[in-house]
């Protein structure tokens, strides 16, 4: 779902989720929680990488725009963990908050994501109502979260160290 910028200070919420049902539920629950920020959805990790490298055919990364990424771990083409690792190694992208949103609750994987630099790790419950409740709380969290855009210039390719 592509939405134009609302204002210079609006944070664009990027949703990287390969499951259409989960992606739709995430978007609905965020909106129900009052999140009116622009939402952009990616269906696999490669789409996220292409977006930040500026080679996406449908979307354009703006280094002056503030972003928040909701990132599923298990995605086709490029895993969420690899996307997170690339982002946090990039001086142009490391400031972007990344919330891991996944069904995986393996403590080793949770620990690995925090060590790589994720801002938060949210486990998607398998029960629909619990998943909806979790997303509702995540939406409220996003409303109170102040995300500052600290992008350093636009000339640097985002995935270059």
N, C-alpha and C. Protein backbone atom coordinates (compact mmCIF):
# COMPACT_ATOMS: atom_id res chain seq x y z
N UNK A 1 0.85 -1.17 0.00
CA UNK A 1 0.00 0.00 0.00
C UNK A 1 0.89 1.22 0.00
N UNK A 2 0.91 1.98 -1.06
CA UNK A 2 1.70 3.19 -1.16
C UNK A 2 0.84 4.38 -0.78
N UNK A 3 1.36 5.22 0.08
CA UNK A 3 0.65 6.42 0.50
C UNK A 3 1.63 7.58 0.44
N UNK A 4 1.24 8.70 -0.13
CA UNK A 4 2.16 9.84 -0.19
C UNK A 4 2.45 10.39 1.20
N UNK A 5 3.54 11.14 1.30
CA UNK A 5 3.92 11.75 2.57
C UNK A 5 2.80 12.65 3.07
N UNK A 6 2.51 12.57 4.36
CA UNK A 6 1.50 13.42 4.97
C UNK A 6 2.11 14.77 5.31
N UNK A 7 3.30 14.75 5.87
CA UNK A 7 4.01 15.99 6.20
C UNK A 7 5.48 15.68 6.28
N UNK A 8 6.26 16.71 6.40
CA UNK A 8 7.70 16.53 6.49
C UNK A 8 8.10 15.69 7.70
N UNK A 9 7.31 15.74 8.78
CA UNK A 9 7.66 15.04 10.00
C UNK A 9 6.99 13.69 10.16
N UNK A 10 6.10 13.33 9.24
CA UNK A 10 5.38 12.06 9.36
C UNK A 10 6.34 10.90 9.15
N UNK A 11 6.25 9.93 10.02
CA UNK A 11 7.06 8.73 9.91
C UNK A 11 6.33 7.75 9.00
N UNK A 12 6.99 7.27 7.97
CA UNK A 12 6.41 6.26 7.10
C UNK A 12 6.69 4.89 7.73
N UNK A 13 5.63 4.12 7.92
CA UNK A 13 5.75 2.78 8.49
C UNK A 13 5.90 1.79 7.34
N UNK A 14 7.04 1.12 7.32
CA UNK A 14 7.32 0.09 6.32
C UNK A 14 6.96 -1.26 6.92
N UNK A 15 6.17 -2.04 6.21
CA UNK A 15 5.76 -3.36 6.69
C UNK A 15 6.33 -4.41 5.75
N UNK A 16 7.26 -5.20 6.24
CA UNK A 16 7.86 -6.28 5.45
C UNK A 16 7.25 -7.59 5.94
N UNK A 17 6.26 -8.09 5.20
CA UNK A 17 5.51 -9.28 5.60
C UNK A 17 5.08 -10.03 4.35
N UNK A 18 5.48 -11.30 4.24
CA UNK A 18 5.16 -12.06 3.04
C UNK A 18 3.76 -12.67 3.06
N UNK A 19 3.16 -12.81 4.22
CA UNK A 19 1.82 -13.39 4.35
C UNK A 19 0.77 -12.28 4.16
N UNK A 20 -0.04 -12.39 3.10
CA UNK A 20 -1.03 -11.36 2.79
C UNK A 20 -2.01 -11.15 3.94
N UNK A 21 -2.46 -12.23 4.57
CA UNK A 21 -3.40 -12.13 5.68
C UNK A 21 -2.81 -11.38 6.85
N UNK A 22 -1.56 -11.72 7.19
CA UNK A 22 -0.89 -11.02 8.29
C UNK A 22 -0.67 -9.55 7.95
N UNK A 23 -0.27 -9.27 6.72
CA UNK A 23 -0.01 -7.88 6.31
C UNK A 23 -1.29 -7.05 6.40
N UNK A 24 -2.40 -7.60 5.93
CA UNK A 24 -3.66 -6.88 5.99
C UNK A 24 -4.09 -6.66 7.44
N UNK A 25 -3.93 -7.68 8.27
CA UNK A 25 -4.28 -7.56 9.69
C UNK A 25 -3.41 -6.51 10.37
N UNK A 26 -2.13 -6.50 10.07
CA UNK A 26 -1.22 -5.50 10.65
C UNK A 26 -1.69 -4.09 10.28
N UNK A 27 -1.97 -3.88 9.00
CA UNK A 27 -2.40 -2.57 8.55
C UNK A 27 -3.71 -2.15 9.21
N UNK A 28 -4.68 -3.07 9.26
CA UNK A 28 -5.98 -2.75 9.87
C UNK A 28 -5.83 -2.43 11.35
N UNK A 29 -5.06 -3.24 12.07
CA UNK A 29 -4.91 -3.03 13.51
C UNK A 29 -4.17 -1.73 13.82
N UNK A 30 -3.17 -1.40 13.02
CA UNK A 30 -2.46 -0.14 13.23
C UNK A 30 -3.42 1.03 13.01
N UNK A 31 -4.22 0.95 11.96
CA UNK A 31 -5.18 2.02 11.69
C UNK A 31 -6.24 2.09 12.78
N UNK A 32 -6.71 0.92 13.25
CA UNK A 32 -7.69 0.89 14.34
C UNK A 32 -7.12 1.50 15.63
N UNK A 33 -5.80 1.37 15.81
CA UNK A 33 -5.15 1.94 17.00
C UNK A 33 -4.92 3.44 16.85
N UNK A 34 -5.23 3.99 15.67
CA UNK A 34 -5.09 5.42 15.47
C UNK A 34 -3.85 5.84 14.70
N UNK A 35 -3.08 4.87 14.21
CA UNK A 35 -1.88 5.20 13.42
C UNK A 35 -2.35 5.66 12.05
N UNK A 36 -2.08 6.91 11.72
CA UNK A 36 -2.48 7.49 10.43
C UNK A 36 -1.28 7.76 9.54
N UNK A 37 -0.15 7.24 9.93
CA UNK A 37 1.07 7.43 9.14
C UNK A 37 0.96 6.71 7.80
N UNK A 38 1.72 7.16 6.82
CA UNK A 38 1.77 6.43 5.57
C UNK A 38 2.29 5.01 5.82
N UNK A 39 1.71 4.03 5.15
CA UNK A 39 2.13 2.63 5.26
C UNK A 39 2.58 2.14 3.90
N UNK A 40 3.71 1.45 3.87
CA UNK A 40 4.22 0.85 2.64
C UNK A 40 4.52 -0.61 2.94
N UNK A 41 4.00 -1.51 2.11
CA UNK A 41 4.19 -2.93 2.35
C UNK A 41 5.17 -3.55 1.34
N UNK A 42 6.02 -4.43 1.87
CA UNK A 42 6.95 -5.22 1.05
C UNK A 42 6.60 -6.69 1.25
N UNK A 43 6.68 -7.48 0.18
CA UNK A 43 6.28 -8.89 0.24
C UNK A 43 7.45 -9.84 0.48
N UNK A 44 8.67 -9.35 0.37
CA UNK A 44 9.84 -10.19 0.65
C UNK A 44 11.02 -9.30 0.99
N UNK A 45 12.07 -9.92 1.51
CA UNK A 45 13.24 -9.16 1.92
C UNK A 45 13.95 -8.46 0.79
N UNK A 46 13.91 -9.04 -0.41
CA UNK A 46 14.56 -8.41 -1.55
C UNK A 46 13.90 -7.08 -1.89
N UNK A 47 12.57 -7.00 -1.75
CA UNK A 47 11.88 -5.73 -2.00
C UNK A 47 12.36 -4.64 -1.04
N UNK A 48 12.62 -5.03 0.21
CA UNK A 48 13.12 -4.06 1.19
C UNK A 48 14.52 -3.59 0.78
N UNK A 49 15.38 -4.54 0.43
CA UNK A 49 16.74 -4.21 0.00
C UNK A 49 16.69 -3.30 -1.22
N UNK A 50 15.87 -3.65 -2.21
CA UNK A 50 15.76 -2.84 -3.42
C UNK A 50 15.28 -1.42 -3.10
N UNK A 51 14.34 -1.31 -2.18
CA UNK A 51 13.82 0.00 -1.78
C UNK A 51 14.95 0.87 -1.23
N UNK A 52 15.73 0.32 -0.29
CA UNK A 52 16.78 1.11 0.33
C UNK A 52 17.96 1.36 -0.60
N UNK A 53 18.15 0.51 -1.60
CA UNK A 53 19.21 0.73 -2.57
C UNK A 53 18.79 1.67 -3.69
N UNK A 54 17.51 2.04 -3.69
CA UNK A 54 17.02 2.96 -4.71
C UNK A 54 16.76 2.31 -6.05
N UNK A 55 16.61 0.99 -6.08
CA UNK A 55 16.37 0.30 -7.35
C UNK A 55 14.99 -0.34 -7.42
N UNK A 56 14.11 0.02 -6.50
CA UNK A 56 12.75 -0.51 -6.51
C UNK A 56 11.99 0.11 -7.66
N UNK A 57 11.31 -0.71 -8.47
CA UNK A 57 10.56 -0.15 -9.59
C UNK A 57 9.28 0.58 -9.16
N UNK A 58 8.79 0.33 -7.94
CA UNK A 58 7.51 0.90 -7.52
C UNK A 58 7.61 1.93 -6.41
N UNK A 59 8.69 1.94 -5.68
CA UNK A 59 8.80 2.82 -4.52
C UNK A 59 10.16 3.52 -4.53
N UNK A 60 10.22 4.67 -3.90
CA UNK A 60 11.47 5.42 -3.87
C UNK A 60 11.85 5.72 -2.42
N UNK A 61 13.07 5.35 -2.04
CA UNK A 61 13.61 5.68 -0.72
C UNK A 61 14.01 7.14 -0.72
N UNK A 62 13.59 7.86 0.30
CA UNK A 62 13.92 9.26 0.47
C UNK A 62 14.76 9.40 1.74
N UNK A 63 16.05 9.69 1.62
CA UNK A 63 16.91 9.77 2.80
C UNK A 63 16.50 10.89 3.76
N UNK A 64 15.66 11.81 3.33
CA UNK A 64 15.19 12.89 4.20
C UNK A 64 13.92 12.49 4.96
N UNK A 65 13.33 11.37 4.60
CA UNK A 65 12.09 10.91 5.22
C UNK A 65 12.41 10.04 6.44
N UNK A 66 11.58 10.13 7.48
CA UNK A 66 11.72 9.26 8.65
C UNK A 66 10.93 7.98 8.41
N UNK A 67 11.54 6.85 8.78
CA UNK A 67 10.92 5.55 8.59
C UNK A 67 10.95 4.74 9.88
N UNK A 68 10.01 3.81 9.98
CA UNK A 68 9.99 2.77 10.99
C UNK A 68 9.68 1.48 10.25
N UNK A 69 10.50 0.44 10.45
CA UNK A 69 10.33 -0.81 9.72
C UNK A 69 9.81 -1.90 10.65
N UNK A 70 8.66 -2.49 10.29
CA UNK A 70 8.14 -3.69 10.93
C UNK A 70 8.60 -4.84 10.05
N UNK A 71 9.45 -5.69 10.59
CA UNK A 71 10.17 -6.66 9.77
C UNK A 71 9.93 -8.09 10.22
N UNK A 72 9.34 -8.89 9.34
CA UNK A 72 9.17 -10.32 9.60
C UNK A 72 10.52 -11.00 9.41
N UNK A 73 10.81 -12.01 10.20
CA UNK A 73 12.08 -12.72 10.09
C UNK A 73 12.09 -13.70 8.92
N UNK A 74 11.05 -14.49 8.81
CA UNK A 74 10.98 -15.54 7.80
C UNK A 74 10.31 -15.01 6.54
N UNK A 75 11.15 -14.56 5.60
CA UNK A 75 10.64 -14.04 4.33
C UNK A 75 11.40 -14.66 3.17
N UNK A 76 10.75 -14.73 2.01
CA UNK A 76 11.43 -15.26 0.83
C UNK A 76 12.54 -14.33 0.33
N UNK A 77 13.42 -14.89 -0.42
CA UNK A 77 14.52 -14.21 -1.12
C UNK A 77 15.61 -13.71 -0.18
N UNK A 78 15.31 -12.79 0.71
CA UNK A 78 16.27 -12.29 1.70
C UNK A 78 15.57 -12.32 3.05
N UNK A 79 16.18 -12.97 4.03
CA UNK A 79 15.54 -13.08 5.34
C UNK A 79 15.51 -11.74 6.05
N UNK A 80 14.59 -11.64 7.00
CA UNK A 80 14.50 -10.43 7.80
C UNK A 80 15.77 -10.17 8.60
N UNK A 81 16.40 -11.23 9.07
CA UNK A 81 17.64 -11.07 9.83
C UNK A 81 18.73 -10.47 8.93
N UNK A 82 18.79 -10.92 7.68
CA UNK A 82 19.79 -10.37 6.76
C UNK A 82 19.49 -8.91 6.43
N UNK A 83 18.21 -8.58 6.25
CA UNK A 83 17.83 -7.18 6.01
C UNK A 83 18.26 -6.32 7.21
N UNK A 84 17.95 -6.79 8.42
CA UNK A 84 18.33 -6.07 9.64
C UNK A 84 19.84 -5.87 9.70
N UNK A 85 20.59 -6.92 9.44
CA UNK A 85 22.05 -6.85 9.49
C UNK A 85 22.58 -5.81 8.50
N UNK A 86 22.08 -5.84 7.27
CA UNK A 86 22.52 -4.88 6.25
C UNK A 86 22.20 -3.45 6.66
N UNK A 87 21.00 -3.26 7.19
CA UNK A 87 20.60 -1.90 7.58
C UNK A 87 21.48 -1.37 8.69
N UNK A 88 21.74 -2.18 9.70
CA UNK A 88 22.49 -1.70 10.85
C UNK A 88 23.99 -1.56 10.55
N UNK A 89 24.46 -2.14 9.45
CA UNK A 89 25.84 -1.94 9.02
C UNK A 89 26.00 -0.71 8.14
N UNK A 90 24.89 -0.16 7.70
CA UNK A 90 24.91 0.98 6.80
C UNK A 90 24.83 2.30 7.57
N UNK A 91 25.81 3.19 7.41
CA UNK A 91 25.73 4.49 8.08
C UNK A 91 24.48 5.28 7.68
N UNK A 92 23.99 5.08 6.47
CA UNK A 92 22.82 5.82 5.99
C UNK A 92 21.51 5.26 6.53
N UNK A 93 21.51 4.02 7.04
CA UNK A 93 20.27 3.38 7.47
C UNK A 93 20.23 2.97 8.93
N UNK A 94 21.35 2.96 9.60
CA UNK A 94 21.39 2.39 10.95
C UNK A 94 20.51 3.11 11.95
N UNK A 95 20.14 4.36 11.65
CA UNK A 95 19.28 5.13 12.56
C UNK A 95 17.81 4.73 12.47
N UNK A 96 17.42 3.99 11.45
CA UNK A 96 16.01 3.63 11.26
C UNK A 96 15.61 2.57 12.27
N UNK A 97 14.58 2.84 13.08
CA UNK A 97 14.13 1.83 14.04
C UNK A 97 13.54 0.62 13.32
N UNK A 98 13.88 -0.57 13.80
CA UNK A 98 13.38 -1.81 13.22
C UNK A 98 12.73 -2.63 14.33
N UNK A 99 11.46 -2.94 14.12
CA UNK A 99 10.73 -3.79 15.05
C UNK A 99 10.54 -5.14 14.38
N UNK A 100 11.13 -6.16 14.97
CA UNK A 100 10.98 -7.52 14.44
C UNK A 100 9.59 -8.00 14.84
N UNK A 101 8.81 -8.45 13.87
CA UNK A 101 7.45 -8.91 14.11
C UNK A 101 7.35 -10.29 13.50
N UNK A 102 7.37 -11.33 14.35
CA UNK A 102 7.53 -12.68 13.84
C UNK A 102 6.89 -13.72 14.76
N UNK A 103 6.66 -14.91 14.24
CA UNK A 103 6.14 -16.00 15.06
C UNK A 103 7.25 -16.69 15.84
N UNK A 104 8.48 -16.41 15.51
CA UNK A 104 9.62 -17.06 16.14
C UNK A 104 9.90 -16.47 17.52
N UNK A 105 9.93 -17.34 18.54
CA UNK A 105 10.27 -16.85 19.88
C UNK A 105 11.49 -17.59 20.45
N UNK A 106 12.29 -18.15 19.57
CA UNK A 106 13.52 -18.82 19.97
C UNK A 106 14.44 -17.79 20.63
N UNK A 107 14.81 -18.01 21.90
CA UNK A 107 15.63 -17.02 22.61
C UNK A 107 16.93 -16.69 21.90
N UNK A 108 17.52 -17.64 21.20
CA UNK A 108 18.77 -17.37 20.48
C UNK A 108 18.53 -16.40 19.33
N UNK A 109 17.39 -16.57 18.64
CA UNK A 109 17.08 -15.67 17.54
C UNK A 109 16.72 -14.28 18.04
N UNK A 110 15.97 -14.22 19.14
CA UNK A 110 15.64 -12.94 19.75
C UNK A 110 16.92 -12.21 20.13
N UNK A 111 17.82 -12.91 20.80
CA UNK A 111 19.09 -12.33 21.22
C UNK A 111 19.91 -11.86 20.01
N UNK A 112 19.94 -12.67 18.97
CA UNK A 112 20.71 -12.31 17.77
C UNK A 112 20.17 -11.02 17.14
N UNK A 113 18.84 -10.89 17.09
CA UNK A 113 18.25 -9.68 16.51
C UNK A 113 18.58 -8.44 17.34
N UNK A 114 18.52 -8.58 18.66
CA UNK A 114 18.89 -7.44 19.51
C UNK A 114 20.37 -7.10 19.35
N UNK A 115 21.21 -8.10 19.25
CA UNK A 115 22.65 -7.83 19.04
C UNK A 115 22.91 -7.13 17.72
N UNK A 116 22.10 -7.44 16.70
CA UNK A 116 22.25 -6.79 15.40
C UNK A 116 21.72 -5.36 15.41
N UNK A 117 20.87 -5.04 16.40
CA UNK A 117 20.43 -3.66 16.52
C UNK A 117 18.94 -3.42 16.35
N UNK A 118 18.11 -4.47 16.44
CA UNK A 118 16.67 -4.20 16.33
C UNK A 118 16.23 -3.39 17.54
N UNK A 119 15.21 -2.58 17.35
CA UNK A 119 14.69 -1.73 18.43
C UNK A 119 13.77 -2.49 19.36
N UNK A 120 13.06 -3.48 18.80
CA UNK A 120 12.07 -4.20 19.57
C UNK A 120 11.80 -5.52 18.86
N UNK A 121 11.42 -6.53 19.63
CA UNK A 121 11.13 -7.85 19.07
C UNK A 121 9.75 -8.25 19.57
N UNK A 122 8.78 -8.37 18.65
CA UNK A 122 7.41 -8.69 19.01
C UNK A 122 7.05 -10.04 18.39
N UNK A 123 6.60 -10.97 19.23
CA UNK A 123 6.22 -12.29 18.76
C UNK A 123 4.75 -12.28 18.37
N UNK A 124 4.46 -12.77 17.15
CA UNK A 124 3.09 -12.87 16.67
C UNK A 124 2.48 -14.14 17.26
N UNK A 125 1.47 -13.99 18.11
CA UNK A 125 0.80 -15.19 18.64
C UNK A 125 0.06 -15.91 17.51
N UNK A 126 -0.09 -17.22 17.62
CA UNK A 126 -0.77 -18.00 16.60
C UNK A 126 -2.29 -17.80 16.69
N UNK A 127 -2.81 -17.49 17.86
CA UNK A 127 -4.24 -17.26 18.05
C UNK A 127 -4.62 -15.90 17.46
N UNK A 128 -5.67 -15.87 16.63
CA UNK A 128 -6.07 -14.65 15.93
C UNK A 128 -6.33 -13.49 16.89
N UNK A 129 -7.12 -13.73 17.94
CA UNK A 129 -7.46 -12.65 18.87
C UNK A 129 -6.22 -12.12 19.58
N UNK A 130 -5.33 -13.02 19.99
CA UNK A 130 -4.10 -12.58 20.65
C UNK A 130 -3.23 -11.79 19.68
N UNK A 131 -3.19 -12.23 18.41
CA UNK A 131 -2.43 -11.52 17.39
C UNK A 131 -3.00 -10.11 17.21
N UNK A 132 -4.34 -10.00 17.14
CA UNK A 132 -4.99 -8.70 17.00
C UNK A 132 -4.67 -7.80 18.19
N UNK A 133 -4.73 -8.38 19.40
CA UNK A 133 -4.41 -7.60 20.61
C UNK A 133 -2.97 -7.11 20.59
N UNK A 134 -2.06 -7.98 20.17
CA UNK A 134 -0.64 -7.61 20.08
C UNK A 134 -0.45 -6.46 19.10
N UNK A 135 -1.11 -6.55 17.96
CA UNK A 135 -0.99 -5.49 16.96
C UNK A 135 -1.61 -4.19 17.44
N UNK A 136 -2.69 -4.28 18.18
CA UNK A 136 -3.32 -3.08 18.74
C UNK A 136 -2.34 -2.38 19.68
N UNK A 137 -1.67 -3.16 20.54
CA UNK A 137 -0.69 -2.58 21.45
C UNK A 137 0.50 -2.00 20.68
N UNK A 138 0.90 -2.69 19.60
CA UNK A 138 2.00 -2.19 18.77
C UNK A 138 1.61 -0.85 18.15
N UNK A 139 0.36 -0.73 17.70
CA UNK A 139 -0.12 0.53 17.14
C UNK A 139 -0.06 1.65 18.16
N UNK A 140 -0.46 1.36 19.39
CA UNK A 140 -0.38 2.36 20.46
C UNK A 140 1.07 2.73 20.75
N UNK A 141 1.95 1.73 20.71
CA UNK A 141 3.38 1.96 20.92
C UNK A 141 3.92 2.91 19.85
N UNK A 142 3.52 2.68 18.61
CA UNK A 142 3.99 3.52 17.51
C UNK A 142 3.50 4.95 17.69
N UNK A 143 2.28 5.10 18.20
CA UNK A 143 1.75 6.45 18.42
C UNK A 143 2.57 7.25 19.42
N UNK A 144 3.10 6.58 20.44
CA UNK A 144 3.87 7.31 21.44
C UNK A 144 5.36 7.33 21.14
N UNK A 145 5.79 6.51 20.20
CA UNK A 145 7.20 6.45 19.84
C UNK A 145 7.58 7.67 19.02
N UNK A 146 8.59 8.38 19.45
CA UNK A 146 9.08 9.51 18.68
C UNK A 146 10.28 9.03 17.88
N UNK A 147 10.12 9.08 16.57
CA UNK A 147 11.18 8.63 15.68
C UNK A 147 11.81 9.85 15.03
N UNK A 148 13.10 10.01 15.22
CA UNK A 148 13.79 11.15 14.64
C UNK A 148 14.56 10.71 13.41
N UNK A 149 14.48 11.50 12.39
CA UNK A 149 15.20 11.20 11.16
C UNK A 149 16.60 11.80 11.27
N UNK A 150 17.60 10.92 11.40
CA UNK A 150 18.98 11.38 11.53
C UNK A 150 19.79 10.97 10.31
N UNK A 151 19.14 10.96 9.16
CA UNK A 151 19.83 10.53 7.93
C UNK A 151 21.04 11.44 7.67
N UNK A 152 22.10 10.80 7.25
CA UNK A 152 23.34 11.54 6.98
C UNK A 152 23.55 11.67 5.48
N UNK A 153 23.02 12.75 4.90
CA UNK A 153 23.23 12.99 3.48
C UNK A 153 22.54 11.97 2.61
N UNK A 154 22.38 12.26 1.34
CA UNK A 154 21.70 11.35 0.45
C UNK A 154 22.58 10.74 -0.60
N UNK A 155 23.85 11.11 -0.66
CA UNK A 155 24.72 10.64 -1.73
C UNK A 155 25.21 9.21 -1.50
N UNK A 156 25.26 8.80 -0.26
CA UNK A 156 25.78 7.47 0.07
C UNK A 156 24.77 6.41 -0.27
N UNK A 157 25.16 5.36 -0.96
CA UNK A 157 24.28 4.23 -1.20
C UNK A 157 24.02 3.55 0.13
N UNK A 158 22.76 3.36 0.51
CA UNK A 158 22.42 2.91 1.85
C UNK A 158 23.10 1.62 2.31
N UNK A 159 23.36 0.66 1.44
CA UNK A 159 23.93 -0.59 1.90
C UNK A 159 25.44 -0.64 1.77
N UNK A 160 26.08 0.47 1.49
CA UNK A 160 27.53 0.50 1.51
C UNK A 160 28.00 0.79 2.93
N UNK A 161 28.94 0.01 3.45
CA UNK A 161 29.41 0.27 4.82
C UNK A 161 30.21 1.56 4.89
